Amino acid sequence: MLDGLDEEECLEEGGQATEKKMRLSMHQVKALEKNFDVGNKLEPKRKVKLAEELGLQPRQVAIWFQNRRARWKTKVLEKDYAMLKANREKEPPRNCSDCLNSPSDNRQLSGDDCPSVVFN
């Protein structure tokens, strides 16, 4: 397990090291996740306090929260899409014969009146 920050070199195409990428320890990630569950937006005082507690720069904490909000939003959208798709699959298919022979209306609808037909 990682005790501190794990350094990983970033290489250019030429193979030369350009900068060192800092990885967060499991302890830091768990603390950030716990704080994210409390609130996914950071006030400046909370950001500075959290950074000091974890031995990080306030900017690192802010970027972590920004990235975590993006991942959270993606998961919410995927969940919503799956739910809509499942609901859509449960509905019977809608076609023009349903509209044209509507028993509740007792009249024939023309193609212009059909709500399921989109004309360009």
PDB file of N, CA and C in Angstrom:
ATOM      1  N   MET A   1       0.844  -1.179   0.000  1.00  0.00           N
ATOM      2  CA  MET A   1       0.000   0.000   0.000  1.00  0.00           C
ATOM      3  C   MET A   1       0.892   1.245   0.000  1.00  0.00           C
ATOM      4  N   LEU A   2       0.381   2.341  -0.440  1.00  0.00           N
ATOM      5  CA  LEU A   2       1.173   3.572  -0.521  1.00  0.00           C
ATOM      6  C   LEU A   2       1.145   4.311   0.802  1.00  0.00           C
ATOM      7  N   ASP A   3       2.316   4.638   1.327  1.00  0.00           N
ATOM      8  CA  ASP A   3       2.372   5.390   2.579  1.00  0.00           C
ATOM      9  C   ASP A   3       2.312   6.882   2.328  1.00  0.00           C
ATOM     10  N   GLY A   4       3.007   7.348   1.347  1.00  0.00           N
ATOM     11  CA  GLY A   4       3.054   8.773   1.037  1.00  0.00           C
ATOM     12  C   GLY A   4       2.639   9.001  -0.390  1.00  0.00           C
ATOM     13  N   LEU A   5       3.248   9.964  -1.012  1.00  0.00           N
ATOM     14  CA  LEU A   5       2.958  10.230  -2.410  1.00  0.00           C
ATOM     15  C   LEU A   5       3.867   9.381  -3.278  1.00  0.00           C
ATOM     16  N   ASP A   6       3.293   8.696  -4.220  1.00  0.00           N
ATOM     17  CA  ASP A   6       4.037   7.881  -5.163  1.00  0.00           C
ATOM     18  C   ASP A   6       4.357   8.741  -6.370  1.00  0.00           C
ATOM     19  N   GLU A   7       5.625   8.880  -6.712  1.00  0.00           N
ATOM     20  CA  GLU A   7       6.019   9.724  -7.828  1.00  0.00           C
ATOM     21  C   GLU A   7       6.152   8.880  -9.084  1.00  0.00           C
ATOM     22  N   GLU A   8       5.584   9.387 -10.176  1.00  0.00           N
ATOM     23  CA  GLU A   8       5.665   8.693 -11.458  1.00  0.00           C
ATOM     24  C   GLU A   8       6.144   9.694 -12.494  1.00  0.00           C
ATOM     25  N   GLU A   9       7.182   9.331 -13.231  1.00  0.00           N
ATOM     26  CA  GLU A   9       7.720  10.260 -14.219  1.00  0.00           C
ATOM     27  C   GLU A   9       6.852  10.292 -15.462  1.00  0.00           C
ATOM     28  N   CYS A  10       6.636  11.483 -15.979  1.00  0.00           N
ATOM     29  CA  CYS A  10       5.926  11.646 -17.246  1.00  0.00           C
ATOM     30  C   CYS A  10       6.978  11.810 -18.327  1.00  0.00           C
ATOM     31  N   LEU A  11       6.874  11.017 -19.383  1.00  0.00           N
ATOM     32  CA  LEU A  11       7.876  11.053 -20.432  1.00  0.00           C
ATOM     33  C   LEU A  11       7.313  11.651 -21.704  1.00  0.00           C
ATOM     34  N   GLU A  12       8.132  12.433 -22.392  1.00  0.00           N
ATOM     35  CA  GLU A  12       7.780  12.939 -23.711  1.00  0.00           C
ATOM     36  C   GLU A  12       8.103  11.849 -24.724  1.00  0.00           C
ATOM     37  N   GLU A  13       7.769  12.103 -25.988  1.00  0.00           N
ATOM     38  CA  GLU A  13       8.055  11.124 -27.041  1.00  0.00           C
ATOM     39  C   GLU A  13       9.547  10.835 -27.137  1.00  0.00           C
ATOM     40  N   GLY A  14      10.381  11.808 -26.846  1.00  0.00           N
ATOM     41  CA  GLY A  14      11.823  11.631 -26.910  1.00  0.00           C
ATOM     42  C   GLY A  14      12.365  10.806 -25.759  1.00  0.00           C
ATOM     43  N   GLY A  15      11.529  10.509 -24.762  1.00  0.00           N
ATOM     44  CA  GLY A  15      11.961   9.686 -23.653  1.00  0.00           C
ATOM     45  C   GLY A  15      12.543  10.466 -22.488  1.00  0.00           C
ATOM     46  N   GLN A  16      12.490  11.792 -22.536  1.00  0.00           N
ATOM     47  CA  GLN A  16      13.032  12.584 -21.446  1.00  0.00           C
ATOM     48  C   GLN A  16      11.937  12.919 -20.445  1.00  0.00           C
ATOM     49  N   ALA A  17      12.299  12.908 -19.163  1.00  0.00           N
ATOM     50  CA  ALA A  17      11.345  13.226 -18.099  1.00  0.00           C
ATOM     51  C   ALA A  17      11.041  14.715 -18.138  1.00  0.00           C
ATOM     52  N   THR A  18       9.757  15.059 -18.125  1.00  0.00           N
ATOM     53  CA  THR A  18       9.367  16.468 -18.146  1.00  0.00           C
ATOM     54  C   THR A  18       8.936  16.954 -16.768  1.00  0.00           C
ATOM     55  N   GLU A  19       8.193  16.117 -16.063  1.00  0.00           N
ATOM     56  CA  GLU A  19       7.747  16.485 -14.724  1.00  0.00           C
ATOM     57  C   GLU A  19       7.386  15.218 -13.977  1.00  0.00           C
ATOM     58  N   LYS A  20       7.232  15.338 -12.669  1.00  0.00           N
ATOM     59  CA  LYS A  20       6.849  14.185 -11.878  1.00  0.00           C
ATOM     60  C   LYS A  20       5.381  14.331 -11.506  1.00  0.00           C
ATOM     61  N   LYS A  21       4.635  13.264 -11.729  1.00  0.00           N
ATOM     62  CA  LYS A  21       3.212  13.269 -11.433  1.00  0.00           C
ATOM     63  C   LYS A  21       3.017  12.698 -10.037  1.00  0.00           C
ATOM     64  N   MET A  22       2.316  13.442  -9.213  1.00  0.00           N
ATOM     65  CA  MET A  22       2.101  13.032  -7.835  1.00  0.00           C
ATOM     66  C   MET A  22       0.818  12.213  -7.737  1.00  0.00           C
ATOM     67  N   ARG A  23       0.910  11.063  -7.121  1.00  0.00           N
ATOM     68  CA  ARG A  23      -0.246  10.208  -6.876  1.00  0.00           C
ATOM     69  C   ARG A  23      -0.646  10.359  -5.413  1.00  0.00           C
ATOM     70  N   LEU A  24      -1.932  10.296  -5.159  1.00  0.00           N
ATOM     71  CA  LEU A  24      -2.420  10.388  -3.796  1.00  0.00           C
ATOM     72  C   LEU A  24      -2.364   9.030  -3.121  1.00  0.00           C
ATOM     73  N   SER A  25      -2.127   9.035  -1.815  1.00  0.00           N
ATOM     74  CA  SER A  25      -2.135   7.782  -1.067  1.00  0.00           C
ATOM     75  C   SER A  25      -3.575   7.341  -0.842  1.00  0.00           C
ATOM     76  N   MET A  26      -3.739   6.090  -0.464  1.00  0.00           N
ATOM     77  CA  MET A  26      -5.082   5.558  -0.186  1.00  0.00           C
ATOM     78  C   MET A  26      -5.727   6.344   0.960  1.00  0.00           C
ATOM     79  N   HIS A  27      -4.938   6.712   1.941  1.00  0.00           N
ATOM     80  CA  HIS A  27      -5.453   7.499   3.070  1.00  0.00           C
ATOM     81  C   HIS A  27      -5.994   8.843   2.582  1.00  0.00           C
ATOM     82  N   GLN A  28      -5.261   9.493   1.715  1.00  0.00           N
ATOM     83  CA  GLN A  28      -5.693  10.791   1.193  1.00  0.00           C
ATOM     84  C   GLN A  28      -6.969  10.660   0.364  1.00  0.00           C
ATOM     85  N   VAL A  29      -7.020   9.626  -0.486  1.00  0.00           N
ATOM     86  CA  VAL A  29      -8.200   9.413  -1.324  1.00  0.00           C
ATOM     87  C   VAL A  29      -9.429   9.133  -0.465  1.00  0.00           C
ATOM     88  N   LYS A  30      -9.266   8.282   0.548  1.00  0.00           N
ATOM     89  CA  LYS A  30     -10.394   7.970   1.434  1.00  0.00           C
ATOM     90  C   LYS A  30     -10.888   9.211   2.160  1.00  0.00           C
ATOM     91  N   ALA A  31      -9.958  10.043   2.616  1.00  0.00           N
ATOM     92  CA  ALA A  31     -10.349  11.274   3.307  1.00  0.00           C
ATOM     93  C   ALA A  31     -11.065  12.228   2.347  1.00  0.00           C
ATOM     94  N   LEU A  32     -10.579  12.330   1.121  1.00  0.00           N
ATOM     95  CA  LEU A  32     -11.226  13.192   0.133  1.00  0.00           C
ATOM     96  C   LEU A  32     -12.619  12.663  -0.223  1.00  0.00           C
ATOM     97  N   GLU A  33     -12.753  11.344  -0.397  1.00  0.00           N
ATOM     98  CA  GLU A  33     -14.052  10.742  -0.691  1.00  0.00           C
ATOM     99  C   GLU A  33     -15.041  11.000   0.443  1.00  0.00           C
ATOM    100  N   LYS A  34     -14.568  10.842   1.669  1.00  0.00           N
ATOM    101  CA  LYS A  34     -15.428  11.073   2.842  1.00  0.00           C
ATOM    102  C   LYS A  34     -15.912  12.526   2.853  1.00  0.00           C
ATOM    103  N   ASN A  35     -15.026  13.453   2.554  1.00  0.00           N
ATOM    104  CA  ASN A  35     -15.393  14.868   2.510  1.00  0.00           C
ATOM    105  C   ASN A  35     -16.318  15.166   1.340  1.00  0.00           C
ATOM    106  N   PHE A  36     -16.142  14.461   0.229  1.00  0.00           N
ATOM    107  CA  PHE A  36     -17.012  14.652  -0.929  1.00  0.00           C
ATOM    108  C   PHE A  36     -18.432  14.209  -0.596  1.00  0.00           C
ATOM    109  N   ASP A  37     -18.555  13.128   0.181  1.00  0.00           N
ATOM    110  CA  ASP A  37     -19.880  12.646   0.584  1.00  0.00           C
ATOM    111  C   ASP A  37     -20.599  13.663   1.467  1.00  0.00           C
ATOM    112  N   VAL A  38     -19.839  14.410   2.243  1.00  0.00           N
ATOM    113  CA  VAL A  38     -20.426  15.452   3.094  1.00  0.00           C
ATOM    114  C   VAL A  38     -20.956  16.593   2.235  1.00  0.00           C
ATOM    115  N   GLY A  39     -20.197  16.982   1.248  1.00  0.00           N
ATOM    116  CA  GLY A  39     -20.597  18.049   0.331  1.00  0.00           C
ATOM    117  C   GLY A  39     -19.664  18.073  -0.855  1.00  0.00           C
ATOM    118  N   ASN A  40     -20.247  18.149  -2.056  1.00  0.00           N
ATOM    119  CA  ASN A  40     -19.382  18.057  -3.227  1.00  0.00           C
ATOM    120  C   ASN A  40     -18.844  19.404  -3.695  1.00  0.00           C
ATOM    121  N   LYS A  41     -19.162  20.459  -2.991  1.00  0.00           N
ATOM    122  CA  LYS A  41     -18.583  21.782  -3.282  1.00  0.00           C
ATOM    123  C   LYS A  41     -17.681  22.178  -2.114  1.00  0.00           C
ATOM    124  N   LEU A  42     -16.592  22.839  -2.421  1.00  0.00           N
ATOM    125  CA  LEU A  42     -15.625  23.236  -1.399  1.00  0.00           C
ATOM    126  C   LEU A  42     -15.668  24.731  -1.139  1.00  0.00           C
ATOM    127  N   GLU A  43     -15.829  25.085   0.114  1.00  0.00           N
ATOM    128  CA  GLU A  43     -15.648  26.481   0.495  1.00  0.00           C
ATOM    129  C   GLU A  43     -14.142  26.698   0.696  1.00  0.00           C
ATOM    130  N   PRO A  44     -13.669  27.919   0.505  1.00  0.00           N
ATOM    131  CA  PRO A  44     -12.216  28.157   0.619  1.00  0.00           C
ATOM    132  C   PRO A  44     -11.604  27.707   1.950  1.00  0.00           C
ATOM    133  N   LYS A  45     -12.286  27.961   3.053  1.00  0.00           N
ATOM    134  CA  LYS A  45     -11.738  27.560   4.363  1.00  0.00           C
ATOM    135  C   LYS A  45     -11.647  26.043   4.481  1.00  0.00           C
ATOM    136  N   ARG A  46     -12.657  25.367   4.001  1.00  0.00           N
ATOM    137  CA  ARG A  46     -12.672  23.908   4.062  1.00  0.00           C
ATOM    138  C   ARG A  46     -11.572  23.326   3.178  1.00  0.00           C
ATOM    139  N   LYS A  47     -11.354  23.935   2.024  1.00  0.00           N
ATOM    140  CA  LYS A  47     -10.307  23.479   1.113  1.00  0.00           C
ATOM    141  C   LYS A  47      -8.926  23.603   1.758  1.00  0.00           C
ATOM    142  N   VAL A  48      -8.653  24.732   2.365  1.00  0.00           N
ATOM    143  CA  VAL A  48      -7.352  24.962   2.993  1.00  0.00           C
ATOM    144  C   VAL A  48      -7.155  24.005   4.162  1.00  0.00           C
ATOM    145  N   LYS A  49      -8.193  23.829   4.979  1.00  0.00           N
ATOM    146  CA  LYS A  49      -8.101  22.931   6.135  1.00  0.00           C
ATOM    147  C   LYS A  49      -7.836  21.498   5.686  1.00  0.00           C
ATOM    148  N   LEU A  50      -8.565  21.052   4.681  1.00  0.00           N
ATOM    149  CA  LEU A  50      -8.399  19.701   4.167  1.00  0.00           C
ATOM    150  C   LEU A  50      -7.007  19.506   3.571  1.00  0.00           C
ATOM    151  N   ALA A  51      -6.534  20.500   2.844  1.00  0.00           N
ATOM    152  CA  ALA A  51      -5.194  20.427   2.247  1.00  0.00           C
ATOM    153  C   ALA A  51      -4.122  20.309   3.332  1.00  0.00           C
ATOM    154  N   GLU A  52      -4.258  21.087   4.385  1.00  0.00           N
ATOM    155  CA  GLU A  52      -3.281  21.026   5.483  1.00  0.00           C
ATOM    156  C   GLU A  52      -3.310  19.670   6.173  1.00  0.00           C
ATOM    157  N   GLU A  53      -4.521  19.138   6.402  1.00  0.00           N
ATOM    158  CA  GLU A  53      -4.656  17.841   7.071  1.00  0.00           C
ATOM    159  C   GLU A  53      -4.036  16.705   6.251  1.00  0.00           C
ATOM    160  N   LEU A  54      -4.129  16.813   4.935  1.00  0.00           N
ATOM    161  CA  LEU A  54      -3.662  15.738   4.068  1.00  0.00           C
ATOM    162  C   LEU A  54      -2.269  15.968   3.495  1.00  0.00           C
ATOM    163  N   GLY A  55      -1.684  17.122   3.780  1.00  0.00           N
ATOM    164  CA  GLY A  55      -0.352  17.419   3.257  1.00  0.00           C
ATOM    165  C   GLY A  55      -0.341  17.682   1.768  1.00  0.00           C
ATOM    166  N   LEU A  56      -1.415  18.306   1.272  1.00  0.00           N
ATOM    167  CA  LEU A  56      -1.528  18.625  -0.145  1.00  0.00           C
ATOM    168  C   LEU A  56      -1.616  20.130  -0.332  1.00  0.00           C
ATOM    169  N   GLN A  57      -1.471  20.560  -1.563  1.00  0.00           N
ATOM    170  CA  GLN A  57      -1.699  21.959  -1.900  1.00  0.00           C
ATOM    171  C   GLN A  57      -3.216  22.178  -2.037  1.00  0.00           C
ATOM    172  N   PRO A  58      -3.715  23.353  -1.639  1.00  0.00           N
ATOM    173  CA  PRO A  58      -5.148  23.629  -1.804  1.00  0.00           C
ATOM    174  C   PRO A  58      -5.616  23.446  -3.250  1.00  0.00           C
ATOM    175  N   ARG A  59      -4.751  23.774  -4.205  1.00  0.00           N
ATOM    176  CA  ARG A  59      -5.107  23.608  -5.618  1.00  0.00           C
ATOM    177  C   ARG A  59      -5.315  22.130  -5.975  1.00  0.00           C
ATOM    178  N   GLN A  60      -4.502  21.248  -5.381  1.00  0.00           N
ATOM    179  CA  GLN A  60      -4.660  19.812  -5.624  1.00  0.00           C
ATOM    180  C   GLN A  60      -6.019  19.328  -5.118  1.00  0.00           C
ATOM    181  N   VAL A  61      -6.413  19.810  -3.961  1.00  0.00           N
ATOM    182  CA  VAL A  61      -7.702  19.428  -3.381  1.00  0.00           C
ATOM    183  C   VAL A  61      -8.834  19.942  -4.267  1.00  0.00           C
ATOM    184  N   ALA A  62      -8.714  21.183  -4.719  1.00  0.00           N
ATOM    185  CA  ALA A  62      -9.755  21.772  -5.566  1.00  0.00           C
ATOM    186  C   ALA A  62      -9.893  20.992  -6.878  1.00  0.00           C
ATOM    187  N   ILE A  63      -8.782  20.632  -7.482  1.00  0.00           N
ATOM    188  CA  ILE A  63      -8.808  19.882  -8.743  1.00  0.00           C
ATOM    189  C   ILE A  63      -9.377  18.485  -8.515  1.00  0.00           C
ATOM    190  N   TRP A  64      -9.012  17.843  -7.394  1.00  0.00           N
ATOM    191  CA  TRP A  64      -9.564  16.525  -7.097  1.00  0.00           C
ATOM    192  C   TRP A  64     -11.089  16.607  -6.993  1.00  0.00           C
ATOM    193  N   PHE A  65     -11.597  17.610  -6.284  1.00  0.00           N
ATOM    194  CA  PHE A  65     -13.044  17.775  -6.148  1.00  0.00           C
ATOM    195  C   PHE A  65     -13.699  18.050  -7.500  1.00  0.00           C
ATOM    196  N   GLN A  66     -13.065  18.859  -8.317  1.00  0.00           N
ATOM    197  CA  GLN A  66     -13.608  19.154  -9.645  1.00  0.00           C
ATOM    198  C   GLN A  66     -13.699  17.877 -10.486  1.00  0.00           C
ATOM    199  N   ASN A  67     -12.644  17.081 -10.482  1.00  0.00           N
ATOM    200  CA  ASN A  67     -12.641  15.826 -11.235  1.00  0.00           C
ATOM    201  C   ASN A  67     -13.662  14.838 -10.674  1.00  0.00           C
ATOM    202  N   ARG A  68     -13.769  14.804  -9.352  1.00  0.00           N
ATOM    203  CA  ARG A  68     -14.718  13.881  -8.712  1.00  0.00           C
ATOM    204  C   ARG A  68     -16.158  14.278  -9.033  1.00  0.00           C
ATOM    205  N   ARG A  69     -16.457  15.580  -9.087  1.00  0.00           N
ATOM    206  CA  ARG A  69     -17.800  16.033  -9.471  1.00  0.00           C
ATOM    207  C   ARG A  69     -18.112  15.628 -10.908  1.00  0.00           C
ATOM    208  N   ALA A  70     -17.126  15.700 -11.780  1.00  0.00           N
ATOM    209  CA  ALA A  70     -17.330  15.301 -13.180  1.00  0.00           C
ATOM    210  C   ALA A  70     -17.632  13.807 -13.269  1.00  0.00           C
ATOM    211  N   ARG A  71     -16.893  12.985 -12.517  1.00  0.00           N
ATOM    212  CA  ARG A  71     -17.168  11.543 -12.519  1.00  0.00           C
ATOM    213  C   ARG A  71     -18.542  11.254 -11.934  1.00  0.00           C
ATOM    214  N   TRP A  72     -18.908  11.962 -10.883  1.00  0.00           N
ATOM    215  CA  TRP A  72     -20.215  11.792 -10.238  1.00  0.00           C
ATOM    216  C   TRP A  72     -21.338  12.144 -11.210  1.00  0.00           C
ATOM    217  N   LYS A  73     -21.177  13.250 -11.922  1.00  0.00           N
ATOM    218  CA  LYS A  73     -22.194  13.685 -12.875  1.00  0.00           C
ATOM    219  C   LYS A  73     -22.354  12.653 -13.995  1.00  0.00           C
ATOM    220  N   THR A  74     -21.248  12.109 -14.473  1.00  0.00           N
ATOM    221  CA  THR A  74     -21.306  11.094 -15.521  1.00  0.00           C
ATOM    222  C   THR A  74     -22.065   9.868 -15.040  1.00  0.00           C
ATOM    223  N   LYS A  75     -21.805   9.443 -13.815  1.00  0.00           N
ATOM    224  CA  LYS A  75     -22.498   8.279 -13.271  1.00  0.00           C
ATOM    225  C   LYS A  75     -23.993   8.547 -13.124  1.00  0.00           C
ATOM    226  N   VAL A  76     -24.354   9.740 -12.698  1.00  0.00           N
ATOM    227  CA  VAL A  76     -25.771  10.099 -12.564  1.00  0.00           C
ATOM    228  C   VAL A  76     -26.448  10.075 -13.935  1.00  0.00           C
ATOM    229  N   LEU A  77     -25.788  10.639 -14.936  1.00  0.00           N
ATOM    230  CA  LEU A  77     -26.345  10.636 -16.287  1.00  0.00           C
ATOM    231  C   LEU A  77     -26.499   9.223 -16.833  1.00  0.00           C
ATOM    232  N   GLU A  78     -25.510   8.370 -16.591  1.00  0.00           N
ATOM    233  CA  GLU A  78     -25.598   6.979 -17.046  1.00  0.00           C
ATOM    234  C   GLU A  78     -26.750   6.257 -16.362  1.00  0.00           C
ATOM    235  N   LYS A  79     -26.918   6.501 -15.081  1.00  0.00           N
ATOM    236  CA  LYS A  79     -28.009   5.879 -14.324  1.00  0.00           C
ATOM    237  C   LYS A  79     -29.363   6.361 -14.850  1.00  0.00           C
ATOM    238  N   ASP A  80     -29.499   7.661 -15.066  1.00  0.00           N
ATOM    239  CA  ASP A  80     -30.744   8.221 -15.596  1.00  0.00           C
ATOM    240  C   ASP A  80     -31.046   7.678 -16.985  1.00  0.00           C
ATOM    241  N   TYR A  81     -30.027   7.567 -17.827  1.00  0.00           N
ATOM    242  CA  TYR A  81     -30.213   7.041 -19.184  1.00  0.00           C
ATOM    243  C   TYR A  81     -30.684   5.597 -19.127  1.00  0.00           C
ATOM    244  N   ALA A  82     -30.064   4.789 -18.267  1.00  0.00           N
ATOM    245  CA  ALA A  82     -30.447   3.384 -18.143  1.00  0.00           C
ATOM    246  C   ALA A  82     -31.892   3.261 -17.674  1.00  0.00           C
ATOM    247  N   MET A  83     -32.297   4.123 -16.750  1.00  0.00           N
ATOM    248  CA  MET A  83     -33.667   4.087 -16.251  1.00  0.00           C
ATOM    249  C   MET A  83     -34.654   4.486 -17.353  1.00  0.00           C
ATOM    250  N   LEU A  84     -34.342   5.538 -18.094  1.00  0.00           N
ATOM    251  CA  LEU A  84     -35.211   5.955 -19.198  1.00  0.00           C
ATOM    252  C   LEU A  84     -35.298   4.877 -20.270  1.00  0.00           C
ATOM    253  N   LYS A  85     -34.171   4.257 -20.571  1.00  0.00           N
ATOM    254  CA  LYS A  85     -34.146   3.206 -21.581  1.00  0.00           C
ATOM    255  C   LYS A  85     -34.991   2.014 -21.136  1.00  0.00           C
ATOM    256  N   ALA A  86     -34.873   1.645 -19.857  1.00  0.00           N
ATOM    257  CA  ALA A  86     -35.657   0.524 -19.336  1.00  0.00           C
ATOM    258  C   ALA A  86     -37.151   0.845 -19.384  1.00  0.00           C
ATOM    259  N   ASN A  87     -37.519   2.066 -19.033  1.00  0.00           N
ATOM    260  CA  ASN A  87     -38.923   2.479 -19.088  1.00  0.00           C
ATOM    261  C   ASN A  87     -39.430   2.486 -20.519  1.00  0.00           C
ATOM    262  N   ARG A  88     -38.605   2.922 -21.430  1.00  0.00           N
ATOM    263  CA  ARG A  88     -38.983   2.975 -22.845  1.00  0.00           C
ATOM    264  C   ARG A  88     -39.208   1.574 -23.402  1.00  0.00           C
ATOM    265  N   GLU A  89     -38.379   0.630 -22.983  1.00  0.00           N
ATOM    266  CA  GLU A  89     -38.512  -0.744 -23.454  1.00  0.00           C
ATOM    267  C   GLU A  89     -39.771  -1.410 -22.909  1.00  0.00           C
ATOM    268  N   LYS A  90     -40.273  -0.954 -21.765  1.00  0.00           N
ATOM    269  CA  LYS A  90     -41.493  -1.507 -21.181  1.00  0.00           C
ATOM    270  C   LYS A  90     -42.734  -1.052 -21.936  1.00  0.00           C
ATOM    271  N   GLU A  91     -42.687   0.133 -22.534  1.00  0.00           N
ATOM    272  CA  GLU A  91     -43.834   0.684 -23.258  1.00  0.00           C
ATOM    273  C   GLU A  91     -44.041  -0.086 -24.555  1.00  0.00           C
ATOM    274  N   PRO A  92     -45.312  -0.301 -24.942  1.00  0.00           N
ATOM    275  CA  PRO A  92     -45.553  -0.946 -26.237  1.00  0.00           C
ATOM    276  C   PRO A  92     -45.131  -0.018 -27.363  1.00  0.00           C
ATOM    277  N   PRO A  93     -44.722  -0.573 -28.496  1.00  0.00           N
ATOM    278  CA  PRO A  93     -44.310   0.292 -29.607  1.00  0.00           C
ATOM    279  C   PRO A  93     -45.484   1.123 -30.099  1.00  0.00           C
ATOM    280  N   ARG A  94     -45.190   2.335 -30.441  1.00  0.00           N
ATOM    281  CA  ARG A  94     -46.219   3.259 -30.908  1.00  0.00           C
ATOM    282  C   ARG A  94     -46.059   3.423 -32.406  1.00  0.00           C
ATOM    283  N   ASN A  95     -47.130   3.143 -33.154  1.00  0.00           N
ATOM    284  CA  ASN A  95     -47.056   3.329 -34.592  1.00  0.00           C
ATOM    285  C   ASN A  95     -48.305   4.065 -35.066  1.00  0.00           C
ATOM    286  N   CYS A  96     -48.339   4.408 -36.295  1.00  0.00           N
ATOM    287  CA  CYS A  96     -49.437   5.216 -36.826  1.00  0.00           C
ATOM    288  C   CYS A  96     -50.772   4.496 -36.791  1.00  0.00           C
ATOM    289  N   SER A  97     -50.779   3.177 -36.850  1.00  0.00           N
ATOM    290  CA  SER A  97     -52.060   2.475 -36.809  1.00  0.00           C
ATOM    291  C   SER A  97     -52.736   2.699 -35.464  1.00  0.00           C
ATOM    292  N   ASP A  98     -51.938   2.903 -34.402  1.00  0.00           N
ATOM    293  CA  ASP A  98     -52.527   3.221 -33.103  1.00  0.00           C
ATOM    294  C   ASP A  98     -53.255   4.551 -33.159  1.00  0.00           C
ATOM    295  N   CYS A  99     -52.656   5.522 -33.836  1.00  0.00           N
ATOM    296  CA  CYS A  99     -53.250   6.864 -33.921  1.00  0.00           C
ATOM    297  C   CYS A  99     -54.436   6.889 -34.883  1.00  0.00           C
ATOM    298  N   LEU A 100     -54.301   6.186 -35.991  1.00  0.00           N
ATOM    299  CA  LEU A 100     -55.337   6.259 -37.029  1.00  0.00           C
ATOM    300  C   LEU A 100     -56.623   5.554 -36.635  1.00  0.00           C
ATOM    301  N   ASN A 101     -56.524   4.558 -35.790  1.00  0.00           N
ATOM    302  CA  ASN A 101     -57.711   3.799 -35.402  1.00  0.00           C
ATOM    303  C   ASN A 101     -57.943   3.890 -33.899  1.00  0.00           C
ATOM    304  N   SER A 102     -57.846   5.070 -33.356  1.00  0.00           N
ATOM    305  CA  SER A 102     -57.989   5.283 -31.927  1.00  0.00           C
ATOM    306  C   SER A 102     -59.434   5.051 -31.490  1.00  0.00           C
ATOM    307  N   PRO A 103     -59.709   4.011 -30.660  1.00  0.00           N
ATOM    308  CA  PRO A 103     -61.079   3.740 -30.238  1.00  0.00           C
ATOM    309  C   PRO A 103     -61.619   4.806 -29.299  1.00  0.00           C
ATOM    310  N   SER A 104     -60.765   5.508 -28.600  1.00  0.00           N
ATOM    311  CA  SER A 104     -61.253   6.514 -27.660  1.00  0.00           C
ATOM    312  C   SER A 104     -61.760   7.755 -28.379  1.00  0.00           C
ATOM    313  N   ASP A 105     -61.307   7.964 -29.607  1.00  0.00           N
ATOM    314  CA  ASP A 105     -61.649   9.189 -30.321  1.00  0.00           C
ATOM    315  C   ASP A 105     -62.789   8.977 -31.327  1.00  0.00           C
ATOM    316  N   ASN A 106     -62.969   7.712 -31.779  1.00  0.00           N
ATOM    317  CA  ASN A 106     -64.012   7.357 -32.737  1.00  0.00           C
ATOM    318  C   ASN A 106     -63.959   8.176 -34.022  1.00  0.00           C
ATOM    319  N   ARG A 107     -62.798   8.597 -34.431  1.00  0.00           N
ATOM    320  CA  ARG A 107     -62.662   9.290 -35.706  1.00  0.00           C
ATOM    321  C   ARG A 107     -61.313   8.947 -36.299  1.00  0.00           C
ATOM    322  N   GLN A 108     -61.210   9.053 -37.570  1.00  0.00           N
ATOM    323  CA  GLN A 108     -59.964   8.781 -38.269  1.00  0.00           C
ATOM    324  C   GLN A 108     -59.082  10.020 -38.215  1.00  0.00           C
ATOM    325  N   LEU A 109     -57.808   9.820 -37.907  1.00  0.00           N
ATOM    326  CA  LEU A 109     -56.851  10.923 -37.912  1.00  0.00           C
ATOM    327  C   LEU A 109     -56.049  10.862 -39.193  1.00  0.00           C
ATOM    328  N   SER A 110     -55.746  12.005 -39.720  1.00  0.00           N
ATOM    329  CA  SER A 110     -54.870  12.037 -40.887  1.00  0.00           C
ATOM    330  C   SER A 110     -53.422  12.000 -40.417  1.00  0.00           C
ATOM    331  N   GLY A 111     -52.503  11.804 -41.336  1.00  0.00           N
ATOM    332  CA  GLY A 111     -51.087  11.787 -40.989  1.00  0.00           C
ATOM    333  C   GLY A 111     -50.626  13.095 -40.367  1.00  0.00           C
ATOM    334  N   ASP A 112     -51.277  14.206 -40.716  1.00  0.00           N
ATOM    335  CA  ASP A 112     -50.906  15.501 -40.152  1.00  0.00           C
ATOM    336  C   ASP A 112     -51.264  15.605 -38.680  1.00  0.00           C
ATOM    337  N   ASP A 113     -52.283  14.829 -38.264  1.00  0.00           N
ATOM    338  CA  ASP A 113     -52.738  14.886 -36.884  1.00  0.00           C
ATOM    339  C   ASP A 113     -52.009  13.911 -35.974  1.00  0.00           C
ATOM    340  N   CYS A 114     -51.258  13.009 -36.545  1.00  0.00           N
ATOM    341  CA  CYS A 114     -50.608  11.955 -35.770  1.00  0.00           C
ATOM    342  C   CYS A 114     -49.460  12.507 -34.942  1.00  0.00           C
ATOM    343  N   PRO A 115     -49.509  12.399 -33.598  1.00  0.00           N
ATOM    344  CA  PRO A 115     -48.441  12.949 -32.764  1.00  0.00           C
ATOM    345  C   PRO A 115     -47.146  12.137 -32.826  1.00  0.00           C
ATOM    346  N   SER A 116     -47.217  10.897 -33.314  1.00  0.00           N
ATOM    347  CA  SER A 116     -45.993  10.097 -33.358  1.00  0.00           C
ATOM    348  C   SER A 116     -45.223  10.282 -34.659  1.00  0.00           C
ATOM    349  N   VAL A 117     -45.785  11.026 -35.601  1.00  0.00           N
ATOM    350  CA  VAL A 117     -45.124  11.239 -36.882  1.00  0.00           C
ATOM    351  C   VAL A 117     -44.512  12.627 -36.884  1.00  0.00           C
ATOM    352  N   VAL A 118     -43.240  12.696 -37.236  1.00  0.00           N
ATOM    353  CA  VAL A 118     -42.556  13.984 -37.315  1.00  0.00           C
ATOM    354  C   VAL A 118     -42.266  14.259 -38.774  1.00  0.00           C
ATOM    355  N   PHE A 119     -42.740  15.391 -39.254  1.00  0.00           N
ATOM    356  CA  PHE A 119     -42.508  15.793 -40.646  1.00  0.00           C
ATOM    357  C   PHE A 119     -41.473  16.896 -40.685  1.00  0.00           C
ATOM    358  N   ASN A 120     -40.557  16.792 -41.613  1.00  0.00           N
ATOM    359  CA  ASN A 120     -39.529  17.848 -41.761  1.00  0.00           C
ATOM    360  C   ASN A 120     -39.949  18.843 -42.789  1.00  0.00           C
TER     361      ASN A 120
END
